């Protein structure tokens, strides 16, 4: 369907009322440019809503997801460097489900029972 070669995560929170144009301007501000076949993830301050912006080479797609309870595992500005992070496919899949995507490698091993 839509090819995504790289997935980027913006650490700074974004107002979820922002539409495609405002998010695209934020992508250019944070990432320098919107590259074709790259996805850009943003979250609100409470990390219970995320928006994904994907540039497919011809236009821009925007998808949103909300958790009714809990929050997405999102790095906090000030705790980590404010620079954007890149995500693997497995990390992205875990993140949108609300799972602890930063610890995927640790979760693959059982060391004590």
C-alpha atoms as a PDB file:
ATOM      1  CA  UNK A   1       0.000   0.000   0.000  1.00  0.00           C
ATOM      2  CA  UNK A   2       2.143   2.920   1.212  1.00  0.00           C
ATOM      3  CA  UNK A   3       5.873   2.259   1.270  1.00  0.00           C
ATOM      4  CA  UNK A   4       7.670   3.534   4.377  1.00  0.00           C
ATOM      5  CA  UNK A   5      11.456   3.154   4.324  1.00  0.00           C
ATOM      6  CA  UNK A   6      12.208   5.025   7.550  1.00  0.00           C
ATOM      7  CA  UNK A   7      10.196   5.975  10.612  1.00  0.00           C
ATOM      8  CA  UNK A   8      11.077   9.036  12.716  1.00  0.00           C
ATOM      9  CA  UNK A   9       9.789   9.984  16.147  1.00  0.00           C
ATOM     10  CA  UNK A  10       9.630  13.622  17.293  1.00  0.00           C
ATOM     11  CA  UNK A  11      10.285  13.958  21.023  1.00  0.00           C
ATOM     12  CA  UNK A  12       8.658  17.384  21.547  1.00  0.00           C
ATOM     13  CA  UNK A  13       4.856  17.226  22.056  1.00  0.00           C
ATOM     14  CA  UNK A  14       2.543  18.597  19.357  1.00  0.00           C
ATOM     15  CA  UNK A  15      -0.959  20.044  19.584  1.00  0.00           C
ATOM     16  CA  UNK A  16      -3.197  17.287  18.190  1.00  0.00           C
ATOM     17  CA  UNK A  17      -5.519  19.879  16.641  1.00  0.00           C
ATOM     18  CA  UNK A  18      -2.766  20.424  14.069  1.00  0.00           C
ATOM     19  CA  UNK A  19      -3.726  19.393  10.576  1.00  0.00           C
ATOM     20  CA  UNK A  20      -1.599  18.082   7.725  1.00  0.00           C
ATOM     21  CA  UNK A  21      -0.185  21.485   6.753  1.00  0.00           C
ATOM     22  CA  UNK A  22       0.874  22.400  10.273  1.00  0.00           C
ATOM     23  CA  UNK A  23       2.381  18.955  10.885  1.00  0.00           C
ATOM     24  CA  UNK A  24       4.230  19.153   7.577  1.00  0.00           C
ATOM     25  CA  UNK A  25       5.663  22.523   8.620  1.00  0.00           C
ATOM     26  CA  UNK A  26       6.723  20.920  11.910  1.00  0.00           C
ATOM     27  CA  UNK A  27       8.401  18.063  10.011  1.00  0.00           C
ATOM     28  CA  UNK A  28      10.425  20.568   7.997  1.00  0.00           C
ATOM     29  CA  UNK A  29      11.292  22.491  11.179  1.00  0.00           C
ATOM     30  CA  UNK A  30      12.312  19.418  13.221  1.00  0.00           C
ATOM     31  CA  UNK A  31      13.682  17.075  10.556  1.00  0.00           C
ATOM     32  CA  UNK A  32      14.947  19.574   7.977  1.00  0.00           C
ATOM     33  CA  UNK A  33      12.776  18.240   5.127  1.00  0.00           C
ATOM     34  CA  UNK A  34       9.948  15.817   4.459  1.00  0.00           C
ATOM     35  CA  UNK A  35      11.545  12.959   2.564  1.00  0.00           C
ATOM     36  CA  UNK A  36       9.600  10.642   0.283  1.00  0.00           C
ATOM     37  CA  UNK A  37       8.715   7.280   1.840  1.00  0.00           C
ATOM     38  CA  UNK A  38       9.507   8.457   5.359  1.00  0.00           C
ATOM     39  CA  UNK A  39       7.031   8.463   8.249  1.00  0.00           C
ATOM     40  CA  UNK A  40       7.026  11.047  11.048  1.00  0.00           C
ATOM     41  CA  UNK A  41       5.412  10.326  14.424  1.00  0.00           C
ATOM     42  CA  UNK A  42       4.176  13.006  16.820  1.00  0.00           C
ATOM     43  CA  UNK A  43       2.450  12.766  20.222  1.00  0.00           C
ATOM     44  CA  UNK A  44       0.534  15.167  22.429  1.00  0.00           C
ATOM     45  CA  UNK A  45       1.799  16.252  25.861  1.00  0.00           C
ATOM     46  CA  UNK A  46      -0.047  13.427  27.688  1.00  0.00           C
ATOM     47  CA  UNK A  47       1.168  10.834  25.151  1.00  0.00           C
ATOM     48  CA  UNK A  48      -2.294   9.341  24.776  1.00  0.00           C
ATOM     49  CA  UNK A  49      -2.647  10.474  21.146  1.00  0.00           C
ATOM     50  CA  UNK A  50      -0.264  10.115  18.229  1.00  0.00           C
ATOM     51  CA  UNK A  51      -0.284  11.269  14.631  1.00  0.00           C
ATOM     52  CA  UNK A  52       1.700   9.743  11.802  1.00  0.00           C
ATOM     53  CA  UNK A  53       2.561  11.791   8.743  1.00  0.00           C
ATOM     54  CA  UNK A  54       3.840   9.889   5.683  1.00  0.00           C
ATOM     55  CA  UNK A  55       5.160  11.490   2.499  1.00  0.00           C
ATOM     56  CA  UNK A  56       4.580   8.964  -0.299  1.00  0.00           C
ATOM     57  CA  UNK A  57       6.428  10.876  -3.034  1.00  0.00           C
ATOM     58  CA  UNK A  58       3.262  12.479  -4.422  1.00  0.00           C
ATOM     59  CA  UNK A  59       1.402  13.721  -1.383  1.00  0.00           C
ATOM     60  CA  UNK A  60       1.068  13.434   2.360  1.00  0.00           C
ATOM     61  CA  UNK A  61      -0.943  10.919   4.404  1.00  0.00           C
ATOM     62  CA  UNK A  62      -1.962  11.581   7.997  1.00  0.00           C
ATOM     63  CA  UNK A  63      -3.211   8.952  10.456  1.00  0.00           C
ATOM     64  CA  UNK A  64      -4.150   9.360  14.104  1.00  0.00           C
ATOM     65  CA  UNK A  65      -4.451   6.929  17.008  1.00  0.00           C
ATOM     66  CA  UNK A  66      -5.772   7.467  20.527  1.00  0.00           C
ATOM     67  CA  UNK A  67      -5.570   5.320  23.648  1.00  0.00           C
ATOM     68  CA  UNK A  68      -8.658   5.575  25.841  1.00  0.00           C
ATOM     69  CA  UNK A  69      -6.706   4.454  28.911  1.00  0.00           C
ATOM     70  CA  UNK A  70      -2.991   4.694  29.577  1.00  0.00           C
ATOM     71  CA  UNK A  71      -0.466   6.324  27.308  1.00  0.00           C
ATOM     72  CA  UNK A  72       2.002   5.517  24.575  1.00  0.00           C
ATOM     73  CA  UNK A  73       5.607   4.877  25.619  1.00  0.00           C
ATOM     74  CA  UNK A  74       7.078   8.198  24.517  1.00  0.00           C
ATOM     75  CA  UNK A  75      10.498   9.631  25.339  1.00  0.00           C
ATOM     76  CA  UNK A  76      10.294  12.936  27.191  1.00  0.00           C
ATOM     77  CA  UNK A  77      12.075  16.094  26.091  1.00  0.00           C
ATOM     78  CA  UNK A  78      14.755  16.955  28.619  1.00  0.00           C
ATOM     79  CA  UNK A  79      15.120  13.307  29.658  1.00  0.00           C
ATOM     80  CA  UNK A  80      16.561  12.355  26.277  1.00  0.00           C
ATOM     81  CA  UNK A  81      18.173  14.505  23.640  1.00  0.00           C
ATOM     82  CA  UNK A  82      15.486  16.511  21.812  1.00  0.00           C
ATOM     83  CA  UNK A  83      16.816  15.208  18.493  1.00  0.00           C
ATOM     84  CA  UNK A  84      14.389  13.023  16.535  1.00  0.00           C
ATOM     85  CA  UNK A  85      14.711   9.260  16.962  1.00  0.00           C
ATOM     86  CA  UNK A  86      14.505   6.610  14.274  1.00  0.00           C
ATOM     87  CA  UNK A  87      12.367   3.502  14.818  1.00  0.00           C
ATOM     88  CA  UNK A  88      12.561  -0.008  13.409  1.00  0.00           C
ATOM     89  CA  UNK A  89       9.411  -1.694  12.104  1.00  0.00           C
ATOM     90  CA  UNK A  90       9.176  -3.822  15.259  1.00  0.00           C
ATOM     91  CA  UNK A  91       9.549  -0.748  17.472  1.00  0.00           C
ATOM     92  CA  UNK A  92       6.848   1.094  15.499  1.00  0.00           C
ATOM     93  CA  UNK A  93       4.478  -1.897  15.730  1.00  0.00           C
ATOM     94  CA  UNK A  94       4.995  -2.073  19.508  1.00  0.00           C
ATOM     95  CA  UNK A  95       4.646   1.693  19.971  1.00  0.00           C
ATOM     96  CA  UNK A  96       1.262   1.980  18.215  1.00  0.00           C
ATOM     97  CA  UNK A  97      -0.056  -0.854  20.396  1.00  0.00           C
ATOM     98  CA  UNK A  98       1.048   1.001  23.531  1.00  0.00           C
ATOM     99  CA  UNK A  99       3.813  -1.490  24.364  1.00  0.00           C
ATOM    100  CA  UNK A 100       7.270  -0.605  25.761  1.00  0.00           C
ATOM    101  CA  UNK A 101       9.043  -0.422  22.386  1.00  0.00           C
ATOM    102  CA  UNK A 102      12.352   0.800  23.875  1.00  0.00           C
ATOM    103  CA  UNK A 103      12.816  -2.555  25.644  1.00  0.00           C
ATOM    104  CA  UNK A 104      12.022  -4.967  22.793  1.00  0.00           C
ATOM    105  CA  UNK A 105      15.465  -6.607  22.866  1.00  0.00           C
ATOM    106  CA  UNK A 106      15.302  -7.114  26.633  1.00  0.00           C
ATOM    107  CA  UNK A 107      11.834  -8.632  26.340  1.00  0.00           C
ATOM    108  CA  UNK A 108      12.998 -11.298  23.867  1.00  0.00           C
ATOM    109  CA  UNK A 109      15.007 -13.118  26.568  1.00  0.00           C
ATOM    110  CA  UNK A 110      13.844 -14.812  29.729  1.00  0.00           C
ATOM    111  CA  UNK A 111      16.771 -14.935  32.125  1.00  0.00           C
ATOM    112  CA  UNK A 112      15.145 -16.037  35.377  1.00  0.00           C
ATOM    113  CA  UNK A 113      12.106 -18.097  36.354  1.00  0.00           C
END
